[in-house]
Amino acid sequence: MLKNLTPAQLKEQKEQGAVLIDIRTPYEWKQTGVVPGSHLLTFFDDYGNYDIDKFMDEFQKLVPTKDTPFVLICRTGSRTSTVGNFLANQMGYKNAMHLSGGIFAWSADGNSFEAVKR
């Protein structure tokens, strides 16, 4: 089951060692910056397409076991809800979380961003 997090809860999870994964597009990363410490792994491209095998290959390098806690981040929480529910319900990941409200919620809460140099 996917757990919804507030920005404050995301910070707590980060401190406890959860893997942060920003699934937005490279353009979005450059536009706003990212939550400090996030791994960058696009799920949907600019056209809404995805390659599940490619994503899972990279995802499993970041999240090595089904018990490893991770937090997905996107712009509003919509994409992470879809992807997070897939990972929890279809793929069996037990500690799936996402930032409810996405990067907008992170920004509205007054949190800082890290610039992306890709």
PDB file of N, CA and C in Angstrom:
ATOM      1  N   MET A   1       0.838  -1.191   0.000  1.00  0.00           N
ATOM      2  CA  MET A   1       0.000   0.000   0.000  1.00  0.00           C
ATOM      3  C   MET A   1       0.882   1.253   0.000  1.00  0.00           C
ATOM      4  N   LEU A   2       0.543   2.200  -0.845  1.00  0.00           N
ATOM      5  CA  LEU A   2       1.300   3.440  -0.969  1.00  0.00           C
ATOM      6  C   LEU A   2       0.926   4.389   0.162  1.00  0.00           C
ATOM      7  N   LYS A   3       1.942   4.947   0.823  1.00  0.00           N
ATOM      8  CA  LYS A   3       1.712   5.892   1.917  1.00  0.00           C
ATOM      9  C   LYS A   3       1.928   7.316   1.412  1.00  0.00           C
ATOM     10  N   ASN A   4       0.985   8.211   1.737  1.00  0.00           N
ATOM     11  CA  ASN A   4       1.089   9.624   1.390  1.00  0.00           C
ATOM     12  C   ASN A   4       1.899  10.348   2.458  1.00  0.00           C
ATOM     13  N   LEU A   5       2.842  11.197   2.030  1.00  0.00           N
ATOM     14  CA  LEU A   5       3.661  11.955   2.969  1.00  0.00           C
ATOM     15  C   LEU A   5       3.496  13.451   2.777  1.00  0.00           C
ATOM     16  N   THR A   6       3.578  14.189   3.876  1.00  0.00           N
ATOM     17  CA  THR A   6       3.689  15.643   3.838  1.00  0.00           C
ATOM     18  C   THR A   6       5.172  15.975   3.657  1.00  0.00           C
ATOM     19  N   PRO A   7       5.502  17.236   3.333  1.00  0.00           N
ATOM     20  CA  PRO A   7       6.918  17.595   3.260  1.00  0.00           C
ATOM     21  C   PRO A   7       7.675  17.302   4.568  1.00  0.00           C
ATOM     22  N   ALA A   8       7.060  17.562   5.712  1.00  0.00           N
ATOM     23  CA  ALA A   8       7.721  17.283   7.000  1.00  0.00           C
ATOM     24  C   ALA A   8       7.987  15.788   7.167  1.00  0.00           C
ATOM     25  N   GLN A   9       7.031  14.969   6.763  1.00  0.00           N
ATOM     26  CA  GLN A   9       7.216  13.518   6.856  1.00  0.00           C
ATOM     27  C   GLN A   9       8.285  13.027   5.882  1.00  0.00           C
ATOM     28  N   LEU A  10       8.380  13.668   4.712  1.00  0.00           N
ATOM     29  CA  LEU A  10       9.431  13.309   3.760  1.00  0.00           C
ATOM     30  C   LEU A  10      10.795  13.559   4.394  1.00  0.00           C
ATOM     31  N   LYS A  11      10.957  14.696   5.066  1.00  0.00           N
ATOM     32  CA  LYS A  11      12.231  14.997   5.738  1.00  0.00           C
ATOM     33  C   LYS A  11      12.565  13.926   6.769  1.00  0.00           C
ATOM     34  N   GLU A  12      11.571  13.502   7.541  1.00  0.00           N
ATOM     35  CA  GLU A  12      11.783  12.448   8.542  1.00  0.00           C
ATOM     36  C   GLU A  12      12.233  11.154   7.870  1.00  0.00           C
ATOM     37  N   GLN A  13      11.562  10.788   6.781  1.00  0.00           N
ATOM     38  CA  GLN A  13      11.916   9.559   6.073  1.00  0.00           C
ATOM     39  C   GLN A  13      13.330   9.642   5.497  1.00  0.00           C
ATOM     40  N   LYS A  14      13.690  10.816   4.989  1.00  0.00           N
ATOM     41  CA  LYS A  14      15.040  11.012   4.448  1.00  0.00           C
ATOM     42  C   LYS A  14      16.074  10.810   5.553  1.00  0.00           C
ATOM     43  N   GLU A  15      15.821  11.390   6.723  1.00  0.00           N
ATOM     44  CA  GLU A  15      16.738  11.247   7.860  1.00  0.00           C
ATOM     45  C   GLU A  15      16.866   9.793   8.297  1.00  0.00           C
ATOM     46  N   GLN A  16      15.804   9.018   8.109  1.00  0.00           N
ATOM     47  CA  GLN A  16      15.815   7.607   8.495  1.00  0.00           C
ATOM     48  C   GLN A  16      16.390   6.705   7.399  1.00  0.00           C
ATOM     49  N   GLY A  17      16.814   7.306   6.288  1.00  0.00           N
ATOM     50  CA  GLY A  17      17.489   6.545   5.245  1.00  0.00           C
ATOM     51  C   GLY A  17      16.655   6.120   4.055  1.00  0.00           C
ATOM     52  N   ALA A  18      15.422   6.606   3.949  1.00  0.00           N
ATOM     53  CA  ALA A  18      14.604   6.267   2.780  1.00  0.00           C
ATOM     54  C   ALA A  18      15.255   6.833   1.518  1.00  0.00           C
ATOM     55  N   VAL A  19      15.114   6.119   0.424  1.00  0.00           N
ATOM     56  CA  VAL A  19      15.645   6.541  -0.872  1.00  0.00           C
ATOM     57  C   VAL A  19      14.639   7.505  -1.501  1.00  0.00           C
ATOM     58  N   LEU A  20      15.086   8.714  -1.868  1.00  0.00           N
ATOM     59  CA  LEU A  20      14.228   9.697  -2.531  1.00  0.00           C
ATOM     60  C   LEU A  20      14.439   9.584  -4.035  1.00  0.00           C
ATOM     61  N   ILE A  21      13.335   9.455  -4.774  1.00  0.00           N
ATOM     62  CA  ILE A  21      13.421   9.292  -6.228  1.00  0.00           C
ATOM     63  C   ILE A  21      12.468  10.274  -6.903  1.00  0.00           C
ATOM     64  N   ASP A  22      13.034  11.204  -7.663  1.00  0.00           N
ATOM     65  CA  ASP A  22      12.248  12.184  -8.414  1.00  0.00           C
ATOM     66  C   ASP A  22      11.994  11.605  -9.804  1.00  0.00           C
ATOM     67  N   ILE A  23      10.715  11.346 -10.115  1.00  0.00           N
ATOM     68  CA  ILE A  23      10.371  10.686 -11.387  1.00  0.00           C
ATOM     69  C   ILE A  23       9.937  11.670 -12.474  1.00  0.00           C
ATOM     70  N   ARG A  24      10.143  12.973 -12.240  1.00  0.00           N
ATOM     71  CA  ARG A  24       9.776  13.964 -13.256  1.00  0.00           C
ATOM     72  C   ARG A  24      10.729  13.884 -14.451  1.00  0.00           C
ATOM     73  N   THR A  25      10.490  14.741 -15.434  1.00  0.00           N
ATOM     74  CA  THR A  25      11.331  14.779 -16.635  1.00  0.00           C
ATOM     75  C   THR A  25      12.560  15.664 -16.391  1.00  0.00           C
ATOM     76  N   PRO A  26      13.623  15.469 -17.186  1.00  0.00           N
ATOM     77  CA  PRO A  26      14.804  16.326 -17.045  1.00  0.00           C
ATOM     78  C   PRO A  26      14.470  17.819 -17.160  1.00  0.00           C
ATOM     79  N   TYR A  27      13.551  18.167 -18.033  1.00  0.00           N
ATOM     80  CA  TYR A  27      13.145  19.573 -18.157  1.00  0.00           C
ATOM     81  C   TYR A  27      12.585  20.088 -16.831  1.00  0.00           C
ATOM     82  N   GLU A  28      11.745  19.295 -16.186  1.00  0.00           N
ATOM     83  CA  GLU A  28      11.161  19.704 -14.905  1.00  0.00           C
ATOM     84  C   GLU A  28      12.226  19.827 -13.820  1.00  0.00           C
ATOM     85  N   TRP A  29      13.201  18.922 -13.821  1.00  0.00           N
ATOM     86  CA  TRP A  29      14.276  19.000 -12.824  1.00  0.00           C
ATOM     87  C   TRP A  29      15.025  20.319 -12.963  1.00  0.00           C
ATOM     88  N   LYS A  30      15.345  20.685 -14.208  1.00  0.00           N
ATOM     89  CA  LYS A  30      16.090  21.921 -14.459  1.00  0.00           C
ATOM     90  C   LYS A  30      15.251  23.152 -14.132  1.00  0.00           C
ATOM     91  N   GLN A  31      13.958  23.068 -14.410  1.00  0.00           N
ATOM     92  CA  GLN A  31      13.058  24.196 -14.211  1.00  0.00           C
ATOM     93  C   GLN A  31      12.954  24.593 -12.742  1.00  0.00           C
ATOM     94  N   THR A  32      12.812  23.625 -11.847  1.00  0.00           N
ATOM     95  CA  THR A  32      12.571  23.934 -10.432  1.00  0.00           C
ATOM     96  C   THR A  32      13.713  23.559  -9.509  1.00  0.00           C
ATOM     97  N   GLY A  33      14.604  22.681  -9.964  1.00  0.00           N
ATOM     98  CA  GLY A  33      15.539  22.054  -9.048  1.00  0.00           C
ATOM     99  C   GLY A  33      14.845  20.850  -8.430  1.00  0.00           C
ATOM    100  N   VAL A  34      15.539  20.155  -7.535  1.00  0.00           N
ATOM    101  CA  VAL A  34      15.002  18.937  -6.934  1.00  0.00           C
ATOM    102  C   VAL A  34      15.164  18.977  -5.417  1.00  0.00           C
ATOM    103  N   VAL A  35      14.437  18.111  -4.739  1.00  0.00           N
ATOM    104  CA  VAL A  35      14.605  17.960  -3.296  1.00  0.00           C
ATOM    105  C   VAL A  35      16.039  17.480  -3.067  1.00  0.00           C
ATOM    106  N   PRO A  36      16.800  18.149  -2.200  1.00  0.00           N
ATOM    107  CA  PRO A  36      18.184  17.730  -1.965  1.00  0.00           C
ATOM    108  C   PRO A  36      18.284  16.246  -1.601  1.00  0.00           C
ATOM    109  N   GLY A  37      19.240  15.572  -2.250  1.00  0.00           N
ATOM    110  CA  GLY A  37      19.454  14.156  -1.985  1.00  0.00           C
ATOM    111  C   GLY A  37      18.635  13.212  -2.844  1.00  0.00           C
ATOM    112  N   SER A  38      17.847  13.769  -3.757  1.00  0.00           N
ATOM    113  CA  SER A  38      17.001  12.927  -4.618  1.00  0.00           C
ATOM    114  C   SER A  38      17.807  12.265  -5.727  1.00  0.00           C
ATOM    115  N   HIS A  39      17.421  11.046  -6.050  1.00  0.00           N
ATOM    116  CA  HIS A  39      17.918  10.361  -7.238  1.00  0.00           C
ATOM    117  C   HIS A  39      16.963  10.711  -8.376  1.00  0.00           C
ATOM    118  N   LEU A  40      17.502  10.915  -9.569  1.00  0.00           N
ATOM    119  CA  LEU A  40      16.692  11.342 -10.707  1.00  0.00           C
ATOM    120  C   LEU A  40      16.448  10.163 -11.633  1.00  0.00           C
ATOM    121  N   LEU A  41      15.188   9.769 -11.740  1.00  0.00           N
ATOM    122  CA  LEU A  41      14.816   8.609 -12.553  1.00  0.00           C
ATOM    123  C   LEU A  41      13.442   8.856 -13.170  1.00  0.00           C
ATOM    124  N   THR A  42      13.430   9.336 -14.414  1.00  0.00           N
ATOM    125  CA  THR A  42      12.183   9.639 -15.114  1.00  0.00           C
ATOM    126  C   THR A  42      11.352   8.376 -15.320  1.00  0.00           C
ATOM    127  N   PHE A  43      10.043   8.495 -15.099  1.00  0.00           N
ATOM    128  CA  PHE A  43       9.138   7.388 -15.431  1.00  0.00           C
ATOM    129  C   PHE A  43       8.444   7.689 -16.749  1.00  0.00           C
ATOM    130  N   PHE A  44       7.640   8.745 -16.787  1.00  0.00           N
ATOM    131  CA  PHE A  44       6.950   9.141 -18.020  1.00  0.00           C
ATOM    132  C   PHE A  44       7.807  10.159 -18.761  1.00  0.00           C
ATOM    133  N   ASP A  45       7.910  10.029 -20.093  1.00  0.00           N
ATOM    134  CA  ASP A  45       8.632  11.039 -20.859  1.00  0.00           C
ATOM    135  C   ASP A  45       7.710  12.230 -21.132  1.00  0.00           C
ATOM    136  N   ASP A  46       8.183  13.173 -21.936  1.00  0.00           N
ATOM    137  CA  ASP A  46       7.409  14.389 -22.222  1.00  0.00           C
ATOM    138  C   ASP A  46       6.081  14.105 -22.910  1.00  0.00           C
ATOM    139  N   TYR A  47       5.944  12.915 -23.493  1.00  0.00           N
ATOM    140  CA  TYR A  47       4.727  12.558 -24.222  1.00  0.00           C
ATOM    141  C   TYR A  47       3.844  11.589 -23.446  1.00  0.00           C
ATOM    142  N   GLY A  48       4.215  11.302 -22.195  1.00  0.00           N
ATOM    143  CA  GLY A  48       3.421  10.380 -21.383  1.00  0.00           C
ATOM    144  C   GLY A  48       3.743   8.915 -21.611  1.00  0.00           C
ATOM    145  N   ASN A  49       4.785   8.645 -22.400  1.00  0.00           N
ATOM    146  CA  ASN A  49       5.200   7.264 -22.654  1.00  0.00           C
ATOM    147  C   ASN A  49       6.145   6.790 -21.561  1.00  0.00           C
ATOM    148  N   TYR A  50       6.260   5.478 -21.418  1.00  0.00           N
ATOM    149  CA  TYR A  50       7.198   4.921 -20.445  1.00  0.00           C
ATOM    150  C   TYR A  50       7.710   3.573 -20.913  1.00  0.00           C
ATOM    151  N   ASP A  51       8.853   3.190 -20.351  1.00  0.00           N
ATOM    152  CA  ASP A  51       9.478   1.897 -20.624  1.00  0.00           C
ATOM    153  C   ASP A  51       9.659   1.226 -19.268  1.00  0.00           C
ATOM    154  N   ILE A  52       8.719   0.363 -18.892  1.00  0.00           N
ATOM    155  CA  ILE A  52       8.708  -0.226 -17.554  1.00  0.00           C
ATOM    156  C   ILE A  52       9.961  -1.048 -17.285  1.00  0.00           C
ATOM    157  N   ASP A  53      10.455  -1.770 -18.284  1.00  0.00           N
ATOM    158  CA  ASP A  53      11.658  -2.587 -18.077  1.00  0.00           C
ATOM    159  C   ASP A  53      12.875  -1.716 -17.779  1.00  0.00           C
ATOM    160  N   LYS A  54      13.042  -0.663 -18.553  1.00  0.00           N
ATOM    161  CA  LYS A  54      14.164   0.258 -18.343  1.00  0.00           C
ATOM    162  C   LYS A  54      14.045   0.921 -16.971  1.00  0.00           C
ATOM    163  N   PHE A  55      12.842   1.384 -16.631  1.00  0.00           N
ATOM    164  CA  PHE A  55      12.628   2.015 -15.333  1.00  0.00           C
ATOM    165  C   PHE A  55      12.960   1.047 -14.205  1.00  0.00           C
ATOM    166  N   MET A  56      12.444  -0.177 -14.276  1.00  0.00           N
ATOM    167  CA  MET A  56      12.656  -1.152 -13.201  1.00  0.00           C
ATOM    168  C   MET A  56      14.128  -1.531 -13.066  1.00  0.00           C
ATOM    169  N   ASP A  57      14.861  -1.610 -14.179  1.00  0.00           N
ATOM    170  CA  ASP A  57      16.299  -1.900 -14.105  1.00  0.00           C
ATOM    171  C   ASP A  57      17.015  -0.851 -13.259  1.00  0.00           C
ATOM    172  N   GLU A  58      16.719   0.418 -13.519  1.00  0.00           N
ATOM    173  CA  GLU A  58      17.350   1.506 -12.769  1.00  0.00           C
ATOM    174  C   GLU A  58      16.791   1.600 -11.347  1.00  0.00           C
ATOM    175  N   PHE A  59      15.487   1.409 -11.206  1.00  0.00           N
ATOM    176  CA  PHE A  59      14.839   1.485  -9.896  1.00  0.00           C
ATOM    177  C   PHE A  59      15.436   0.456  -8.933  1.00  0.00           C
ATOM    178  N   GLN A  60      15.651  -0.759  -9.422  1.00  0.00           N
ATOM    179  CA  GLN A  60      16.170  -1.831  -8.563  1.00  0.00           C
ATOM    180  C   GLN A  60      17.612  -1.589  -8.131  1.00  0.00           C
ATOM    181  N   LYS A  61      18.337  -0.746  -8.841  1.00  0.00           N
ATOM    182  CA  LYS A  61      19.681  -0.347  -8.393  1.00  0.00           C
ATOM    183  C   LYS A  61      19.579   0.584  -7.186  1.00  0.00           C
ATOM    184  N   LEU A  62      18.527   1.395  -7.154  1.00  0.00           N
ATOM    185  CA  LEU A  62      18.319   2.342  -6.054  1.00  0.00           C
ATOM    186  C   LEU A  62      17.598   1.705  -4.871  1.00  0.00           C
ATOM    187  N   VAL A  63      16.672   0.812  -5.169  1.00  0.00           N
ATOM    188  CA  VAL A  63      15.838   0.150  -4.158  1.00  0.00           C
ATOM    189  C   VAL A  63      16.092  -1.356  -4.301  1.00  0.00           C
ATOM    190  N   PRO A  64      17.132  -1.854  -3.628  1.00  0.00           N
ATOM    191  CA  PRO A  64      17.584  -3.227  -3.871  1.00  0.00           C
ATOM    192  C   PRO A  64      16.680  -4.343  -3.356  1.00  0.00           C
ATOM    193  N   THR A  65      15.815  -4.053  -2.381  1.00  0.00           N
ATOM    194  CA  THR A  65      14.927  -5.101  -1.861  1.00  0.00           C
ATOM    195  C   THR A  65      13.493  -4.592  -1.805  1.00  0.00           C
ATOM    196  N   LYS A  66      12.557  -5.500  -1.703  1.00  0.00           N
ATOM    197  CA  LYS A  66      11.131  -5.144  -1.610  1.00  0.00           C
ATOM    198  C   LYS A  66      10.819  -4.451  -0.279  1.00  0.00           C
ATOM    199  N   ASP A  67      11.745  -4.542   0.697  1.00  0.00           N
ATOM    200  CA  ASP A  67      11.549  -3.914   2.009  1.00  0.00           C
ATOM    201  C   ASP A  67      12.221  -2.550   2.140  1.00  0.00           C
ATOM    202  N   THR A  68      13.052  -2.174   1.176  1.00  0.00           N
ATOM    203  CA  THR A  68      13.759  -0.895   1.241  1.00  0.00           C
ATOM    204  C   THR A  68      12.760   0.260   1.154  1.00  0.00           C
ATOM    205  N   PRO A  69      12.762   1.173   2.141  1.00  0.00           N
ATOM    206  CA  PRO A  69      11.840   2.314   2.076  1.00  0.00           C
ATOM    207  C   PRO A  69      12.266   3.317   0.995  1.00  0.00           C
ATOM    208  N   PHE A  70      11.282   3.806   0.242  1.00  0.00           N
ATOM    209  CA  PHE A  70      11.566   4.817  -0.775  1.00  0.00           C
ATOM    210  C   PHE A  70      10.403   5.792  -0.865  1.00  0.00           C
ATOM    211  N   VAL A  71      10.736   7.018  -1.318  1.00  0.00           N
ATOM    212  CA  VAL A  71       9.740   8.071  -1.499  1.00  0.00           C
ATOM    213  C   VAL A  71       9.831   8.565  -2.936  1.00  0.00           C
ATOM    214  N   LEU A  72       8.718   8.518  -3.651  1.00  0.00           N
ATOM    215  CA  LEU A  72       8.645   9.032  -5.016  1.00  0.00           C
ATOM    216  C   LEU A  72       8.201  10.491  -4.986  1.00  0.00           C
ATOM    217  N   ILE A  73       8.778  11.290  -5.894  1.00  0.00           N
ATOM    218  CA  ILE A  73       8.472  12.719  -5.967  1.00  0.00           C
ATOM    219  C   ILE A  73       8.165  13.074  -7.418  1.00  0.00           C
ATOM    220  N   CYS A  74       7.078  13.843  -7.632  1.00  0.00           N
ATOM    221  CA  CYS A  74       6.790  14.398  -8.956  1.00  0.00           C
ATOM    222  C   CYS A  74       6.314  15.840  -8.772  1.00  0.00           C
ATOM    223  N   ARG A  75       5.633  16.392  -9.753  1.00  0.00           N
ATOM    224  CA  ARG A  75       5.222  17.801  -9.690  1.00  0.00           C
ATOM    225  C   ARG A  75       4.063  18.020  -8.726  1.00  0.00           C
ATOM    226  N   THR A  76       3.008  17.186  -8.838  1.00  0.00           N
ATOM    227  CA  THR A  76       1.801  17.404  -8.024  1.00  0.00           C
ATOM    228  C   THR A  76       1.405  16.206  -7.169  1.00  0.00           C
ATOM    229  N   GLY A  77       2.048  15.074  -7.385  1.00  0.00           N
ATOM    230  CA  GLY A  77       1.678  13.854  -6.666  1.00  0.00           C
ATOM    231  C   GLY A  77       0.843  12.898  -7.490  1.00  0.00           C
ATOM    232  N   SER A  78       0.447  13.306  -8.680  1.00  0.00           N
ATOM    233  CA  SER A  78      -0.386  12.462  -9.536  1.00  0.00           C
ATOM    234  C   SER A  78       0.406  11.292 -10.126  1.00  0.00           C
ATOM    235  N   ARG A  79       1.538  11.600 -10.762  1.00  0.00           N
ATOM    236  CA  ARG A  79       2.359  10.530 -11.348  1.00  0.00           C
ATOM    237  C   ARG A  79       2.883   9.580 -10.276  1.00  0.00           C
ATOM    238  N   THR A  80       3.306  10.142  -9.134  1.00  0.00           N
ATOM    239  CA  THR A  80       3.855   9.277  -8.086  1.00  0.00           C
ATOM    240  C   THR A  80       2.784   8.392  -7.474  1.00  0.00           C
ATOM    241  N   SER A  81       1.555   8.860  -7.451  1.00  0.00           N
ATOM    242  CA  SER A  81       0.452   8.026  -6.961  1.00  0.00           C
ATOM    243  C   SER A  81       0.272   6.823  -7.879  1.00  0.00           C
ATOM    244  N   THR A  82       0.276   7.066  -9.183  1.00  0.00           N
ATOM    245  CA  THR A  82       0.128   5.986 -10.165  1.00  0.00           C
ATOM    246  C   THR A  82       1.292   5.001 -10.087  1.00  0.00           C
ATOM    247  N   VAL A  83       2.514   5.527 -10.143  1.00  0.00           N
ATOM    248  CA  VAL A  83       3.706   4.675 -10.138  1.00  0.00           C
ATOM    249  C   VAL A  83       3.864   3.975  -8.786  1.00  0.00           C
ATOM    250  N   GLY A  84       3.637   4.708  -7.701  1.00  0.00           N
ATOM    251  CA  GLY A  84       3.768   4.127  -6.362  1.00  0.00           C
ATOM    252  C   GLY A  84       2.785   3.004  -6.109  1.00  0.00           C
ATOM    253  N   ASN A  85       1.549   3.187  -6.539  1.00  0.00           N
ATOM    254  CA  ASN A  85       0.553   2.118  -6.385  1.00  0.00           C
ATOM    255  C   ASN A  85       0.926   0.896  -7.220  1.00  0.00           C
ATOM    256  N   PHE A  86       1.461   1.117  -8.409  1.00  0.00           N
ATOM    257  CA  PHE A  86       1.934   0.007  -9.237  1.00  0.00           C
ATOM    258  C   PHE A  86       3.053  -0.754  -8.518  1.00  0.00           C
ATOM    259  N   LEU A  87       4.031  -0.021  -7.992  1.00  0.00           N
ATOM    260  CA  LEU A  87       5.162  -0.667  -7.319  1.00  0.00           C
ATOM    261  C   LEU A  87       4.718  -1.416  -6.065  1.00  0.00           C
ATOM    262  N   ALA A  88       3.790  -0.833  -5.314  1.00  0.00           N
ATOM    263  CA  ALA A  88       3.317  -1.475  -4.079  1.00  0.00           C
ATOM    264  C   ALA A  88       2.383  -2.643  -4.372  1.00  0.00           C
ATOM    265  N   ASN A  89       1.399  -2.416  -5.217  1.00  0.00           N
ATOM    266  CA  ASN A  89       0.343  -3.412  -5.429  1.00  0.00           C
ATOM    267  C   ASN A  89       0.680  -4.484  -6.455  1.00  0.00           C
ATOM    268  N   GLN A  90       1.406  -4.117  -7.505  1.00  0.00           N
ATOM    269  CA  GLN A  90       1.724  -5.081  -8.562  1.00  0.00           C
ATOM    270  C   GLN A  90       3.108  -5.713  -8.398  1.00  0.00           C
ATOM    271  N   MET A  91       4.055  -4.924  -7.891  1.00  0.00           N
ATOM    272  CA  MET A  91       5.437  -5.403  -7.805  1.00  0.00           C
ATOM    273  C   MET A  91       5.830  -5.854  -6.397  1.00  0.00           C
ATOM    274  N   GLY A  92       4.981  -5.595  -5.401  1.00  0.00           N
ATOM    275  CA  GLY A  92       5.215  -6.123  -4.058  1.00  0.00           C
ATOM    276  C   GLY A  92       6.151  -5.333  -3.158  1.00  0.00           C
ATOM    277  N   TYR A  93       6.398  -4.057  -3.468  1.00  0.00           N
ATOM    278  CA  TYR A  93       7.246  -3.238  -2.594  1.00  0.00           C
ATOM    279  C   TYR A  93       6.453  -2.842  -1.352  1.00  0.00           C
ATOM    280  N   LYS A  94       7.026  -3.110  -0.177  1.00  0.00           N
ATOM    281  CA  LYS A  94       6.305  -2.967   1.089  1.00  0.00           C
ATOM    282  C   LYS A  94       6.417  -1.586   1.729  1.00  0.00           C
ATOM    283  N   ASN A  95       7.424  -0.799   1.348  1.00  0.00           N
ATOM    284  CA  ASN A  95       7.638   0.508   1.975  1.00  0.00           C
ATOM    285  C   ASN A  95       7.616   1.631   0.948  1.00  0.00           C
ATOM    286  N   ALA A  96       6.572   1.616   0.101  1.00  0.00           N
ATOM    287  CA  ALA A  96       6.403   2.618  -0.947  1.00  0.00           C
ATOM    288  C   ALA A  96       5.706   3.848  -0.380  1.00  0.00           C
ATOM    289  N   MET A  97       6.297   5.020  -0.628  1.00  0.00           N
ATOM    290  CA  MET A  97       5.725   6.290  -0.173  1.00  0.00           C
ATOM    291  C   MET A  97       5.841   7.310  -1.300  1.00  0.00           C
ATOM    292  N   HIS A  98       4.998   8.347  -1.220  1.00  0.00           N
ATOM    293  CA  HIS A  98       5.153   9.443  -2.181  1.00  0.00           C
ATOM    294  C   HIS A  98       4.809  10.758  -1.508  1.00  0.00           C
ATOM    295  N   LEU A  99       5.380  11.839  -2.059  1.00  0.00           N
ATOM    296  CA  LEU A  99       5.144  13.178  -1.538  1.00  0.00           C
ATOM    297  C   LEU A  99       3.804  13.666  -2.062  1.00  0.00           C
ATOM    298  N   SER A 100       2.810  13.675  -1.195  1.00  0.00           N
ATOM    299  CA  SER A 100       1.476  14.139  -1.565  1.00  0.00           C
ATOM    300  C   SER A 100       1.553  15.629  -1.903  1.00  0.00           C
ATOM    301  N   GLY A 101       1.057  16.005  -3.079  1.00  0.00           N
ATOM    302  CA  GLY A 101       1.148  17.396  -3.511  1.00  0.00           C
ATOM    303  C   GLY A 101       2.423  17.688  -4.280  1.00  0.00           C
ATOM    304  N   GLY A 102       3.335  16.722  -4.314  1.00  0.00           N
ATOM    305  CA  GLY A 102       4.543  16.823  -5.113  1.00  0.00           C
ATOM    306  C   GLY A 102       5.437  18.000  -4.783  1.00  0.00           C
ATOM    307  N   ILE A 103       6.197  18.405  -5.791  1.00  0.00           N
ATOM    308  CA  ILE A 103       7.173  19.473  -5.629  1.00  0.00           C
ATOM    309  C   ILE A 103       6.471  20.793  -5.295  1.00  0.00           C
ATOM    310  N   PHE A 104       5.205  20.943  -5.722  1.00  0.00           N
ATOM    311  CA  PHE A 104       4.440  22.139  -5.359  1.00  0.00           C
ATOM    312  C   PHE A 104       4.270  22.228  -3.848  1.00  0.00           C
ATOM    313  N   ALA A 105       3.941  21.109  -3.206  1.00  0.00           N
ATOM    314  CA  ALA A 105       3.778  21.083  -1.746  1.00  0.00           C
ATOM    315  C   ALA A 105       5.114  21.361  -1.059  1.00  0.00           C
ATOM    316  N   TRP A 106       6.192  20.804  -1.594  1.00  0.00           N
ATOM    317  CA  TRP A 106       7.529  21.020  -1.042  1.00  0.00           C
ATOM    318  C   TRP A 106       7.872  22.512  -1.075  1.00  0.00           C
ATOM    319  N   SER A 107       7.605  23.153  -2.206  1.00  0.00           N
ATOM    320  CA  SER A 107       7.879  24.576  -2.372  1.00  0.00           C
ATOM    321  C   SER A 107       6.979  25.425  -1.476  1.00  0.00           C
ATOM    322  N   ALA A 108       5.692  25.120  -1.444  1.00  0.00           N
ATOM    323  CA  ALA A 108       4.730  25.886  -0.639  1.00  0.00           C
ATOM    324  C   ALA A 108       5.071  25.828   0.846  1.00  0.00           C
ATOM    325  N   ASP A 109       5.746  24.767   1.259  1.00  0.00           N
ATOM    326  CA  ASP A 109       6.140  24.593   2.655  1.00  0.00           C
ATOM    327  C   ASP A 109       7.441  25.343   2.969  1.00  0.00           C
ATOM    328  N   GLY A 110       8.005  26.035   1.965  1.00  0.00           N
ATOM    329  CA  GLY A 110       9.199  26.848   2.175  1.00  0.00           C
ATOM    330  C   GLY A 110      10.510  26.086   2.153  1.00  0.00           C
ATOM    331  N   ASN A 111      10.514  24.902   1.575  1.00  0.00           N
ATOM    332  CA  ASN A 111      11.724  24.076   1.550  1.00  0.00           C
ATOM    333  C   ASN A 111      12.654  24.453   0.400  1.00  0.00           C
ATOM    334  N   SER A 112      13.923  24.111   0.549  1.00  0.00           N
ATOM    335  CA  SER A 112      14.924  24.455  -0.458  1.00  0.00           C
ATOM    336  C   SER A 112      15.015  23.399  -1.554  1.00  0.00           C
ATOM    337  N   PHE A 113      15.641  23.802  -2.650  1.00  0.00           N
ATOM    338  CA  PHE A 113      15.850  22.941  -3.803  1.00  0.00           C
ATOM    339  C   PHE A 113      17.336  22.868  -4.117  1.00  0.00           C
ATOM    340  N   GLU A 114      17.696  21.823  -4.836  1.00  0.00           N
ATOM    341  CA  GLU A 114      19.059  21.633  -5.301  1.00  0.00           C
ATOM    342  C   GLU A 114      19.031  21.770  -6.820  1.00  0.00           C
ATOM    343  N   ALA A 115      19.950  22.560  -7.380  1.00  0.00           N
ATOM    344  CA  ALA A 115      19.999  22.737  -8.831  1.00  0.00           C
ATOM    345  C   ALA A 115      20.452  21.447  -9.509  1.00  0.00           C
ATOM    346  N   VAL A 116      19.951  21.238 -10.726  1.00  0.00           N
ATOM    347  CA  VAL A 116      20.309  20.058 -11.516  1.00  0.00           C
ATOM    348  C   VAL A 116      21.217  20.502 -12.645  1.00  0.00           C
ATOM    349  N   LYS A 117      22.332  19.807 -12.813  1.00  0.00           N
ATOM    350  CA  LYS A 117      23.319  20.198 -13.824  1.00  0.00           C
ATOM    351  C   LYS A 117      23.354  19.254 -15.011  1.00  0.00           C
ATOM    352  N   ARG A 118      22.299  18.460 -15.193  1.00  0.00           N
ATOM    353  CA  ARG A 118      22.272  17.523 -16.328  1.00  0.00           C
ATOM    354  C   ARG A 118      21.898  18.236 -17.600  1.00  0.00           C
TER     355      ARG A 118
END
